[in-house]
PDB file of N, CA and C in Angstrom:
ATOM      1  N   MET A   1      -9.515  50.389 -15.921  1.00  0.00           N
ATOM      2  CA  MET A   1      -8.302  49.638 -15.789  1.00  0.00           C
ATOM      3  C   MET A   1      -8.652  48.150 -15.776  1.00  0.00           C
ATOM      4  N   ALA A   2      -7.964  47.386 -16.571  1.00  0.00           N
ATOM      5  CA  ALA A   2      -8.209  45.955 -16.665  1.00  0.00           C
ATOM      6  C   ALA A   2      -7.536  45.241 -15.494  1.00  0.00           C
ATOM      7  N   GLN A   3      -8.212  44.228 -15.008  1.00  0.00           N
ATOM      8  CA  GLN A   3      -7.622  43.442 -13.932  1.00  0.00           C
ATOM      9  C   GLN A   3      -6.622  42.446 -14.515  1.00  0.00           C
ATOM     10  N   ILE A   4      -5.561  42.240 -13.793  1.00  0.00           N
ATOM     11  CA  ILE A   4      -4.544  41.289 -14.222  1.00  0.00           C
ATOM     12  C   ILE A   4      -4.574  40.121 -13.250  1.00  0.00           C
ATOM     13  N   GLY A   5      -4.753  38.906 -13.768  1.00  0.00           N
ATOM     14  CA  GLY A   5      -4.773  37.702 -12.939  1.00  0.00           C
ATOM     15  C   GLY A   5      -3.351  37.259 -12.618  1.00  0.00           C
ATOM     16  N   TRP A   6      -3.235  36.341 -11.678  1.00  0.00           N
ATOM     17  CA  TRP A   6      -1.905  35.901 -11.258  1.00  0.00           C
ATOM     18  C   TRP A   6      -1.108  35.241 -12.375  1.00  0.00           C
ATOM     19  N   PRO A   7      -1.719  34.525 -13.347  1.00  0.00           N
ATOM     20  CA  PRO A   7      -0.888  33.955 -14.417  1.00  0.00           C
ATOM     21  C   PRO A   7      -0.173  35.026 -15.240  1.00  0.00           C
ATOM     22  N   GLN A   8      -0.824  36.184 -15.425  1.00  0.00           N
ATOM     23  CA  GLN A   8      -0.194  37.236 -16.203  1.00  0.00           C
ATOM     24  C   GLN A   8       0.950  37.898 -15.436  1.00  0.00           C
ATOM     25  N   LEU A   9       0.888  37.857 -14.113  1.00  0.00           N
ATOM     26  CA  LEU A   9       1.932  38.466 -13.311  1.00  0.00           C
ATOM     27  C   LEU A   9       3.204  37.616 -13.290  1.00  0.00           C
ATOM     28  N   LEU A  10       3.040  36.319 -13.496  1.00  0.00           N
ATOM     29  CA  LEU A  10       4.202  35.431 -13.498  1.00  0.00           C
ATOM     30  C   LEU A  10       4.846  35.451 -14.878  1.00  0.00           C
ATOM     31  N   GLY A  11       6.120  35.344 -14.909  1.00  0.00           N
ATOM     32  CA  GLY A  11       6.818  35.251 -16.176  1.00  0.00           C
ATOM     33  C   GLY A  11       6.600  33.875 -16.796  1.00  0.00           C
ATOM     34  N   LYS A  12       6.936  33.747 -18.064  1.00  0.00           N
ATOM     35  CA  LYS A  12       6.747  32.488 -18.776  1.00  0.00           C
ATOM     36  C   LYS A  12       7.530  31.355 -18.108  1.00  0.00           C
ATOM     37  N   SER A  13       8.758  31.618 -17.700  1.00  0.00           N
ATOM     38  CA  SER A  13       9.569  30.558 -17.083  1.00  0.00           C
ATOM     39  C   SER A  13       8.972  30.136 -15.740  1.00  0.00           C
ATOM     40  N   MET A  14       8.422  31.084 -15.001  1.00  0.00           N
ATOM     41  CA  MET A  14       7.816  30.758 -13.713  1.00  0.00           C
ATOM     42  C   MET A  14       6.555  29.912 -13.915  1.00  0.00           C
ATOM     43  N   ARG A  15       5.776  30.227 -14.937  1.00  0.00           N
ATOM     44  CA  ARG A  15       4.582  29.425 -15.231  1.00  0.00           C
ATOM     45  C   ARG A  15       4.983  28.012 -15.626  1.00  0.00           C
ATOM     46  N   THR A  16       6.075  27.865 -16.363  1.00  0.00           N
ATOM     47  CA  THR A  16       6.565  26.548 -16.766  1.00  0.00           C
ATOM     48  C   THR A  16       6.983  25.739 -15.545  1.00  0.00           C
ATOM     49  N   VAL A  17       7.698  26.389 -14.638  1.00  0.00           N
ATOM     50  CA  VAL A  17       8.130  25.711 -13.408  1.00  0.00           C
ATOM     51  C   VAL A  17       6.915  25.304 -12.584  1.00  0.00           C
ATOM     52  N   LEU A  18       5.955  26.181 -12.458  1.00  0.00           N
ATOM     53  CA  LEU A  18       4.749  25.889 -11.686  1.00  0.00           C
ATOM     54  C   LEU A  18       3.991  24.716 -12.310  1.00  0.00           C
ATOM     55  N   ALA A  19       3.853  24.709 -13.625  1.00  0.00           N
ATOM     56  CA  ALA A  19       3.160  23.616 -14.313  1.00  0.00           C
ATOM     57  C   ALA A  19       3.897  22.295 -14.095  1.00  0.00           C
ATOM     58  N   ALA A  20       5.227  22.336 -14.144  1.00  0.00           N
ATOM     59  CA  ALA A  20       6.024  21.122 -13.931  1.00  0.00           C
ATOM     60  C   ALA A  20       5.842  20.591 -12.508  1.00  0.00           C
ATOM     61  N   LEU A  21       5.781  21.493 -11.534  1.00  0.00           N
ATOM     62  CA  LEU A  21       5.573  21.079 -10.147  1.00  0.00           C
ATOM     63  C   LEU A  21       4.202  20.431  -9.955  1.00  0.00           C
ATOM     64  N   VAL A  22       3.191  21.014 -10.553  1.00  0.00           N
ATOM     65  CA  VAL A  22       1.842  20.455 -10.447  1.00  0.00           C
ATOM     66  C   VAL A  22       1.799  19.063 -11.075  1.00  0.00           C
ATOM     67  N   LEU A  23       2.407  18.918 -12.238  1.00  0.00           N
ATOM     68  CA  LEU A  23       2.440  17.628 -12.921  1.00  0.00           C
ATOM     69  C   LEU A  23       3.213  16.591 -12.104  1.00  0.00           C
ATOM     70  N   ALA A  24       4.369  16.977 -11.583  1.00  0.00           N
ATOM     71  CA  ALA A  24       5.181  16.051 -10.796  1.00  0.00           C
ATOM     72  C   ALA A  24       4.439  15.599  -9.536  1.00  0.00           C
ATOM     73  N   THR A  25       3.755  16.513  -8.894  1.00  0.00           N
ATOM     74  CA  THR A  25       2.987  16.177  -7.702  1.00  0.00           C
ATOM     75  C   THR A  25       1.871  15.203  -8.039  1.00  0.00           C
ATOM     76  N   SER A  26       1.188  15.442  -9.142  1.00  0.00           N
ATOM     77  CA  SER A  26       0.108  14.550  -9.563  1.00  0.00           C
ATOM     78  C   SER A  26       0.632  13.160  -9.867  1.00  0.00           C
ATOM     79  N   LEU A  27       1.731  13.071 -10.592  1.00  0.00           N
ATOM     80  CA  LEU A  27       2.304  11.775 -10.938  1.00  0.00           C
ATOM     81  C   LEU A  27       2.829  11.061  -9.704  1.00  0.00           C
ATOM     82  N   GLY A  28       3.350  11.810  -8.762  1.00  0.00           N
ATOM     83  CA  GLY A  28       3.829  11.213  -7.522  1.00  0.00           C
ATOM     84  C   GLY A  28       2.709  10.528  -6.760  1.00  0.00           C
ATOM     85  N   HIS A  29       1.547  11.158  -6.713  1.00  0.00           N
ATOM     86  CA  HIS A  29       0.400  10.570  -6.028  1.00  0.00           C
ATOM     87  C   HIS A  29      -0.066   9.310  -6.739  1.00  0.00           C
ATOM     88  N   ILE A  30      -0.007   9.301  -8.047  1.00  0.00           N
ATOM     89  CA  ILE A  30      -0.401   8.118  -8.812  1.00  0.00           C
ATOM     90  C   ILE A  30       0.546   6.969  -8.491  1.00  0.00           C
ATOM     91  N   GLY A  31       1.850   7.252  -8.439  1.00  0.00           N
ATOM     92  CA  GLY A  31       2.827   6.221  -8.121  1.00  0.00           C
ATOM     93  C   GLY A  31       2.630   5.644  -6.737  1.00  0.00           C
ATOM     94  N   VAL A  32       2.341   6.504  -5.768  1.00  0.00           N
ATOM     95  CA  VAL A  32       2.111   6.046  -4.391  1.00  0.00           C
ATOM     96  C   VAL A  32       0.853   5.183  -4.336  1.00  0.00           C
ATOM     97  N   ALA A  33      -0.197   5.608  -5.004  1.00  0.00           N
ATOM     98  CA  ALA A  33      -1.439   4.835  -5.007  1.00  0.00           C
ATOM     99  C   ALA A  33      -1.220   3.465  -5.647  1.00  0.00           C
ATOM    100  N   HIS A  34      -0.437   3.431  -6.716  1.00  0.00           N
ATOM    101  CA  HIS A  34      -0.165   2.155  -7.382  1.00  0.00           C
ATOM    102  C   HIS A  34       0.641   1.240  -6.470  1.00  0.00           C
ATOM    103  N   ALA A  35       1.629   1.775  -5.783  1.00  0.00           N
ATOM    104  CA  ALA A  35       2.446   0.978  -4.868  1.00  0.00           C
ATOM    105  C   ALA A  35       1.589   0.440  -3.725  1.00  0.00           C
ATOM    106  N   GLN A  36       0.702   1.269  -3.195  1.00  0.00           N
ATOM    107  CA  GLN A  36      -0.173   0.823  -2.119  1.00  0.00           C
ATOM    108  C   GLN A  36      -1.114  -0.267  -2.613  1.00  0.00           C
ATOM    109  N   SER A  37      -1.585  -0.119  -3.849  1.00  0.00           N
ATOM    110  CA  SER A  37      -2.461  -1.117  -4.446  1.00  0.00           C
ATOM    111  C   SER A  37      -1.726  -2.443  -4.596  1.00  0.00           C
ATOM    112  N   ASP A  38      -0.457  -2.402  -5.045  1.00  0.00           N
ATOM    113  CA  ASP A  38       0.356  -3.612  -5.176  1.00  0.00           C
ATOM    114  C   ASP A  38       0.594  -4.260  -3.818  1.00  0.00           C
ATOM    115  N   ASP A  39       0.887  -3.440  -2.812  1.00  0.00           N
ATOM    116  CA  ASP A  39       1.114  -3.966  -1.469  1.00  0.00           C
ATOM    117  C   ASP A  39      -0.148  -4.608  -0.901  1.00  0.00           C
ATOM    118  N   LEU A  40      -1.297  -3.995  -1.147  1.00  0.00           N
ATOM    119  CA  LEU A  40      -2.550  -4.558  -0.662  1.00  0.00           C
ATOM    120  C   LEU A  40      -2.819  -5.895  -1.339  1.00  0.00           C
ATOM    121  N   ALA A  41      -2.599  -5.982  -2.639  1.00  0.00           N
ATOM    122  CA  ALA A  41      -2.813  -7.236  -3.361  1.00  0.00           C
ATOM    123  C   ALA A  41      -1.887  -8.325  -2.818  1.00  0.00           C
ATOM    124  N   TYR A  42      -0.629  -7.978  -2.561  1.00  0.00           N
ATOM    125  CA  TYR A  42       0.332  -8.935  -2.011  1.00  0.00           C
ATOM    126  C   TYR A  42      -0.118  -9.380  -0.618  1.00  0.00           C
ATOM    127  N   CYS A  43      -0.530  -8.446   0.197  1.00  0.00           N
ATOM    128  CA  CYS A  43      -1.001  -8.755   1.542  1.00  0.00           C
ATOM    129  C   CYS A  43      -2.204  -9.699   1.486  1.00  0.00           C
ATOM    130  N   GLU A  44      -3.107  -9.437   0.567  1.00  0.00           N
ATOM    131  CA  GLU A  44      -4.288 -10.292   0.414  1.00  0.00           C
ATOM    132  C   GLU A  44      -3.884 -11.713   0.002  1.00  0.00           C
ATOM    133  N   ARG A  45      -2.863 -11.836  -0.871  1.00  0.00           N
ATOM    134  CA  ARG A  45      -2.381 -13.162  -1.272  1.00  0.00           C
ATOM    135  C   ARG A  45      -1.755 -13.889  -0.078  1.00  0.00           C
ATOM    136  N   LEU A  46      -0.990 -13.150   0.723  1.00  0.00           N
ATOM    137  CA  LEU A  46      -0.408 -13.748   1.927  1.00  0.00           C
ATOM    138  C   LEU A  46      -1.503 -14.265   2.853  1.00  0.00           C
ATOM    139  N   TYR A  47      -2.499 -13.428   3.080  1.00  0.00           N
ATOM    140  CA  TYR A  47      -3.576 -13.799   3.989  1.00  0.00           C
ATOM    141  C   TYR A  47      -4.367 -14.986   3.444  1.00  0.00           C
ATOM    142  N   ALA A  48      -4.638 -14.991   2.150  1.00  0.00           N
ATOM    143  CA  ALA A  48      -5.383 -16.097   1.541  1.00  0.00           C
ATOM    144  C   ALA A  48      -4.628 -17.414   1.707  1.00  0.00           C
ATOM    145  N   THR A  49      -3.312 -17.363   1.541  1.00  0.00           N
ATOM    146  CA  THR A  49      -2.491 -18.567   1.722  1.00  0.00           C
ATOM    147  C   THR A  49      -2.552 -19.022   3.174  1.00  0.00           C
ATOM    148  N   TRP A  50      -2.397 -18.085   4.097  1.00  0.00           N
ATOM    149  CA  TRP A  50      -2.471 -18.413   5.523  1.00  0.00           C
ATOM    150  C   TRP A  50      -3.837 -19.014   5.859  1.00  0.00           C
ATOM    151  N   GLU A  51      -4.897 -18.348   5.378  1.00  0.00           N
ATOM    152  CA  GLU A  51      -6.258 -18.773   5.700  1.00  0.00           C
ATOM    153  C   GLU A  51      -6.561 -20.171   5.141  1.00  0.00           C
ATOM    154  N   ARG A  52      -6.061 -20.445   3.960  1.00  0.00           N
ATOM    155  CA  ARG A  52      -6.367 -21.720   3.315  1.00  0.00           C
ATOM    156  C   ARG A  52      -5.588 -22.897   3.912  1.00  0.00           C
ATOM    157  N   TYR A  53      -4.310 -22.692   4.184  1.00  0.00           N
ATOM    158  CA  TYR A  53      -3.467 -23.816   4.570  1.00  0.00           C
ATOM    159  C   TYR A  53      -3.091 -23.882   6.047  1.00  0.00           C
ATOM    160  N   ILE A  54      -2.953 -22.752   6.685  1.00  0.00           N
ATOM    161  CA  ILE A  54      -2.455 -22.759   8.058  1.00  0.00           C
ATOM    162  C   ILE A  54      -3.586 -22.636   9.074  1.00  0.00           C
ATOM    163  N   ALA A  55      -4.551 -21.774   8.831  1.00  0.00           N
ATOM    164  CA  ALA A  55      -5.631 -21.538   9.793  1.00  0.00           C
ATOM    165  C   ALA A  55      -6.382 -22.815  10.161  1.00  0.00           C
ATOM    166  N   PRO A  56      -6.720 -23.684   9.197  1.00  0.00           N
ATOM    167  CA  PRO A  56      -7.454 -24.902   9.584  1.00  0.00           C
ATOM    168  C   PRO A  56      -6.656 -25.814  10.524  1.00  0.00           C
ATOM    169  N   ARG A  57      -5.315 -25.788  10.418  1.00  0.00           N
ATOM    170  CA  ARG A  57      -4.475 -26.637  11.264  1.00  0.00           C
ATOM    171  C   ARG A  57      -4.283 -26.051  12.655  1.00  0.00           C
ATOM    172  N   SER A  58      -4.541 -24.766  12.814  1.00  0.00           N
ATOM    173  CA  SER A  58      -4.257 -24.112  14.104  1.00  0.00           C
ATOM    174  C   SER A  58      -5.520 -23.570  14.758  1.00  0.00           C
ATOM    175  N   GLN A  59      -6.610 -24.306  14.628  1.00  0.00           N
ATOM    176  CA  GLN A  59      -7.875 -23.822  15.190  1.00  0.00           C
ATOM    177  C   GLN A  59      -7.828 -23.652  16.698  1.00  0.00           C
ATOM    178  N   GLY A  60      -7.019 -24.432  17.374  1.00  0.00           N
ATOM    179  CA  GLY A  60      -6.920 -24.310  18.831  1.00  0.00           C
ATOM    180  C   GLY A  60      -6.027 -23.165  19.260  1.00  0.00           C
ATOM    181  N   GLN A  61      -5.279 -22.586  18.318  1.00  0.00           N
ATOM    182  CA  GLN A  61      -4.358 -21.498  18.637  1.00  0.00           C
ATOM    183  C   GLN A  61      -4.965 -20.169  18.195  1.00  0.00           C
ATOM    184  N   ILE A  62      -5.803 -19.638  19.031  1.00  0.00           N
ATOM    185  CA  ILE A  62      -6.542 -18.432  18.675  1.00  0.00           C
ATOM    186  C   ILE A  62      -5.628 -17.241  18.436  1.00  0.00           C
ATOM    187  N   THR A  63      -4.550 -17.125  19.183  1.00  0.00           N
ATOM    188  CA  THR A  63      -3.664 -15.971  19.047  1.00  0.00           C
ATOM    189  C   THR A  63      -3.125 -15.828  17.634  1.00  0.00           C
ATOM    190  N   GLY A  64      -2.732 -16.943  17.021  1.00  0.00           N
ATOM    191  CA  GLY A  64      -2.204 -16.897  15.658  1.00  0.00           C
ATOM    192  C   GLY A  64      -3.217 -16.360  14.678  1.00  0.00           C
ATOM    193  N   GLY A  65      -4.460 -16.721  14.847  1.00  0.00           N
ATOM    194  CA  GLY A  65      -5.508 -16.240  13.964  1.00  0.00           C
ATOM    195  C   GLY A  65      -5.780 -14.759  14.145  1.00  0.00           C
ATOM    196  N   VAL A  66      -5.755 -14.318  15.379  1.00  0.00           N
ATOM    197  CA  VAL A  66      -5.989 -12.900  15.671  1.00  0.00           C
ATOM    198  C   VAL A  66      -4.878 -12.056  15.051  1.00  0.00           C
ATOM    199  N   ASP A  67      -3.643 -12.527  15.170  1.00  0.00           N
ATOM    200  CA  ASP A  67      -2.512 -11.799  14.578  1.00  0.00           C
ATOM    201  C   ASP A  67      -2.664 -11.665  13.068  1.00  0.00           C
ATOM    202  N   ALA A  68      -3.038 -12.760  12.415  1.00  0.00           N
ATOM    203  CA  ALA A  68      -3.180 -12.741  10.963  1.00  0.00           C
ATOM    204  C   ALA A  68      -4.324 -11.825  10.535  1.00  0.00           C
ATOM    205  N   ILE A  69      -5.426 -11.902  11.236  1.00  0.00           N
ATOM    206  CA  ILE A  69      -6.581 -11.056  10.910  1.00  0.00           C
ATOM    207  C   ILE A  69      -6.244  -9.584  11.142  1.00  0.00           C
ATOM    208  N   ALA A  70      -5.550  -9.297  12.241  1.00  0.00           N
ATOM    209  CA  ALA A  70      -5.144  -7.913  12.525  1.00  0.00           C
ATOM    210  C   ALA A  70      -4.174  -7.410  11.450  1.00  0.00           C
ATOM    211  N   SER A  71      -3.307  -8.300  10.975  1.00  0.00           N
ATOM    212  CA  SER A  71      -2.334  -7.905   9.950  1.00  0.00           C
ATOM    213  C   SER A  71      -3.005  -7.557   8.634  1.00  0.00           C
ATOM    214  N   VAL A  72      -3.930  -8.395   8.187  1.00  0.00           N
ATOM    215  CA  VAL A  72      -4.609  -8.092   6.921  1.00  0.00           C
ATOM    216  C   VAL A  72      -5.481  -6.847   7.082  1.00  0.00           C
ATOM    217  N   ASP A  73      -6.017  -6.645   8.279  1.00  0.00           N
ATOM    218  CA  ASP A  73      -6.801  -5.434   8.535  1.00  0.00           C
ATOM    219  C   ASP A  73      -5.923  -4.189   8.416  1.00  0.00           C
ATOM    220  N   GLN A  74      -4.693  -4.270   8.907  1.00  0.00           N
ATOM    221  CA  GLN A  74      -3.770  -3.136   8.762  1.00  0.00           C
ATOM    222  C   GLN A  74      -3.521  -2.838   7.286  1.00  0.00           C
ATOM    223  N   CYS A  75      -3.326  -3.881   6.500  1.00  0.00           N
ATOM    224  CA  CYS A  75      -3.126  -3.677   5.059  1.00  0.00           C
ATOM    225  C   CYS A  75      -4.329  -2.985   4.437  1.00  0.00           C
ATOM    226  N   ARG A  76      -5.496  -3.449   4.772  1.00  0.00           N
ATOM    227  CA  ARG A  76      -6.733  -2.902   4.188  1.00  0.00           C
ATOM    228  C   ARG A  76      -6.979  -1.460   4.621  1.00  0.00           C
ATOM    229  N   ARG A  77      -6.413  -1.075   5.752  1.00  0.00           N
ATOM    230  CA  ARG A  77      -6.566   0.301   6.238  1.00  0.00           C
ATOM    231  C   ARG A  77      -5.441   1.213   5.753  1.00  0.00           C
ATOM    232  N   GLY A  78      -4.623   0.701   4.829  1.00  0.00           N
ATOM    233  CA  GLY A  78      -3.592   1.543   4.234  1.00  0.00           C
ATOM    234  C   GLY A  78      -2.230   1.461   4.897  1.00  0.00           C
ATOM    235  N   ASN A  79      -2.019   0.453   5.739  1.00  0.00           N
ATOM    236  CA  ASN A  79      -0.736   0.305   6.411  1.00  0.00           C
ATOM    237  C   ASN A  79      -0.130  -1.073   6.116  1.00  0.00           C
ATOM    238  N   PRO A  80       0.217  -1.326   4.851  1.00  0.00           N
ATOM    239  CA  PRO A  80       0.769  -2.638   4.523  1.00  0.00           C
ATOM    240  C   PRO A  80       2.097  -2.918   5.219  1.00  0.00           C
ATOM    241  N   ALA A  81       2.872  -1.884   5.506  1.00  0.00           N
ATOM    242  CA  ALA A  81       4.153  -2.077   6.191  1.00  0.00           C
ATOM    243  C   ALA A  81       3.937  -2.655   7.589  1.00  0.00           C
ATOM    244  N   GLY A  82       2.784  -2.434   8.160  1.00  0.00           N
ATOM    245  CA  GLY A  82       2.479  -2.975   9.475  1.00  0.00           C
ATOM    246  C   GLY A  82       1.911  -4.381   9.431  1.00  0.00           C
ATOM    247  N   GLY A  83       1.329  -4.768   8.302  1.00  0.00           N
ATOM    248  CA  GLY A  83       0.682  -6.075   8.215  1.00  0.00           C
ATOM    249  C   GLY A  83       1.478  -7.143   7.493  1.00  0.00           C
ATOM    250  N   ILE A  84       2.178  -6.769   6.450  1.00  0.00           N
ATOM    251  CA  ILE A  84       2.878  -7.747   5.613  1.00  0.00           C
ATOM    252  C   ILE A  84       3.930  -8.551   6.377  1.00  0.00           C
ATOM    253  N   PRO A  85       4.801  -7.929   7.179  1.00  0.00           N
ATOM    254  CA  PRO A  85       5.841  -8.720   7.858  1.00  0.00           C
ATOM    255  C   PRO A  85       5.284  -9.843   8.737  1.00  0.00           C
ATOM    256  N   THR A  86       4.202  -9.597   9.431  1.00  0.00           N
ATOM    257  CA  THR A  86       3.613 -10.628  10.296  1.00  0.00           C
ATOM    258  C   THR A  86       3.102 -11.799   9.471  1.00  0.00           C
ATOM    259  N   LEU A  87       2.418 -11.502   8.378  1.00  0.00           N
ATOM    260  CA  LEU A  87       1.897 -12.571   7.532  1.00  0.00           C
ATOM    261  C   LEU A  87       3.031 -13.351   6.869  1.00  0.00           C
ATOM    262  N   GLU A  88       4.062 -12.642   6.412  1.00  0.00           N
ATOM    263  CA  GLU A  88       5.217 -13.322   5.820  1.00  0.00           C
ATOM    264  C   GLU A  88       5.856 -14.260   6.841  1.00  0.00           C
ATOM    265  N   LYS A  89       6.002 -13.783   8.068  1.00  0.00           N
ATOM    266  CA  LYS A  89       6.619 -14.607   9.118  1.00  0.00           C
ATOM    267  C   LYS A  89       5.784 -15.847   9.399  1.00  0.00           C
ATOM    268  N   LYS A  90       4.487 -15.691   9.458  1.00  0.00           N
ATOM    269  CA  LYS A  90       3.612 -16.842   9.714  1.00  0.00           C
ATOM    270  C   LYS A  90       3.776 -17.896   8.624  1.00  0.00           C
ATOM    271  N   LEU A  91       3.877 -17.460   7.382  1.00  0.00           N
ATOM    272  CA  LEU A  91       4.043 -18.416   6.283  1.00  0.00           C
ATOM    273  C   LEU A  91       5.431 -19.059   6.325  1.00  0.00           C
ATOM    274  N   ARG A  92       6.451 -18.259   6.536  1.00  0.00           N
ATOM    275  CA  ARG A  92       7.820 -18.805   6.609  1.00  0.00           C
ATOM    276  C   ARG A  92       7.965 -19.789   7.771  1.00  0.00           C
ATOM    277  N   ASP A  93       7.388 -19.443   8.918  1.00  0.00           N
ATOM    278  CA  ASP A  93       7.465 -20.322  10.088  1.00  0.00           C
ATOM    279  C   ASP A  93       6.831 -21.683   9.819  1.00  0.00           C
ATOM    280  N   ASN A  94       5.878 -21.713   8.902  1.00  0.00           N
ATOM    281  CA  ASN A  94       5.209 -22.963   8.532  1.00  0.00           C
ATOM    282  C   ASN A  94       5.775 -23.547   7.241  1.00  0.00           C
ATOM    283  N   ARG A  95       6.952 -23.065   6.868  1.00  0.00           N
ATOM    284  CA  ARG A  95       7.717 -23.563   5.706  1.00  0.00           C
ATOM    285  C   ARG A  95       6.984 -23.401   4.372  1.00  0.00           C
ATOM    286  N   PHE A  96       6.276 -22.272   4.241  1.00  0.00           N
ATOM    287  CA  PHE A  96       5.623 -21.951   2.976  1.00  0.00           C
ATOM    288  C   PHE A  96       6.506 -21.004   2.184  1.00  0.00           C
ATOM    289  N   THR A  97       6.489 -21.151   0.875  1.00  0.00           N
ATOM    290  CA  THR A  97       7.156 -20.207  -0.004  1.00  0.00           C
ATOM    291  C   THR A  97       6.233 -19.011  -0.159  1.00  0.00           C
ATOM    292  N   LEU A  98       6.773 -17.834  -0.029  1.00  0.00           N
ATOM    293  CA  LEU A  98       5.954 -16.626  -0.139  1.00  0.00           C
ATOM    294  C   LEU A  98       5.528 -16.429  -1.587  1.00  0.00           C
ATOM    295  N   PRO A  99       4.301 -15.936  -1.789  1.00  0.00           N
ATOM    296  CA  PRO A  99       3.848 -15.662  -3.153  1.00  0.00           C
ATOM    297  C   PRO A  99       4.693 -14.549  -3.787  1.00  0.00           C
ATOM    298  N   ALA A 100       4.674 -14.498  -5.101  1.00  0.00           N
ATOM    299  CA  ALA A 100       5.415 -13.452  -5.816  1.00  0.00           C
ATOM    300  C   ALA A 100       4.884 -12.087  -5.424  1.00  0.00           C
ATOM    301  N   ARG A 101       5.792 -11.150  -5.346  1.00  0.00           N
ATOM    302  CA  ARG A 101       5.392  -9.795  -4.954  1.00  0.00           C
ATOM    303  C   ARG A 101       5.142  -8.920  -6.150  1.00  0.00           C
TER     304      ARG A 101
END
């Protein structure tokens, strides 16, 4: 008796649905990775602007520097939603135009 694998047990329409689900899941992960990559790049631009223009003026204010460093660290660890708002606020508070997103 020949063994029948699971693809043979599924009907053609079921295999099509399964293939579509696998493809959609793969593309979804690519989209998420791209969005995270864009957010990280934006976060890095925010931090670079802060570091270049604001940090030298606020050397006596250690708390501001710690906040900015912690924010960019959150972005680098995959949590841009936790880091970007703080950096944006620091730039806005110092009357900087935010870089393009």
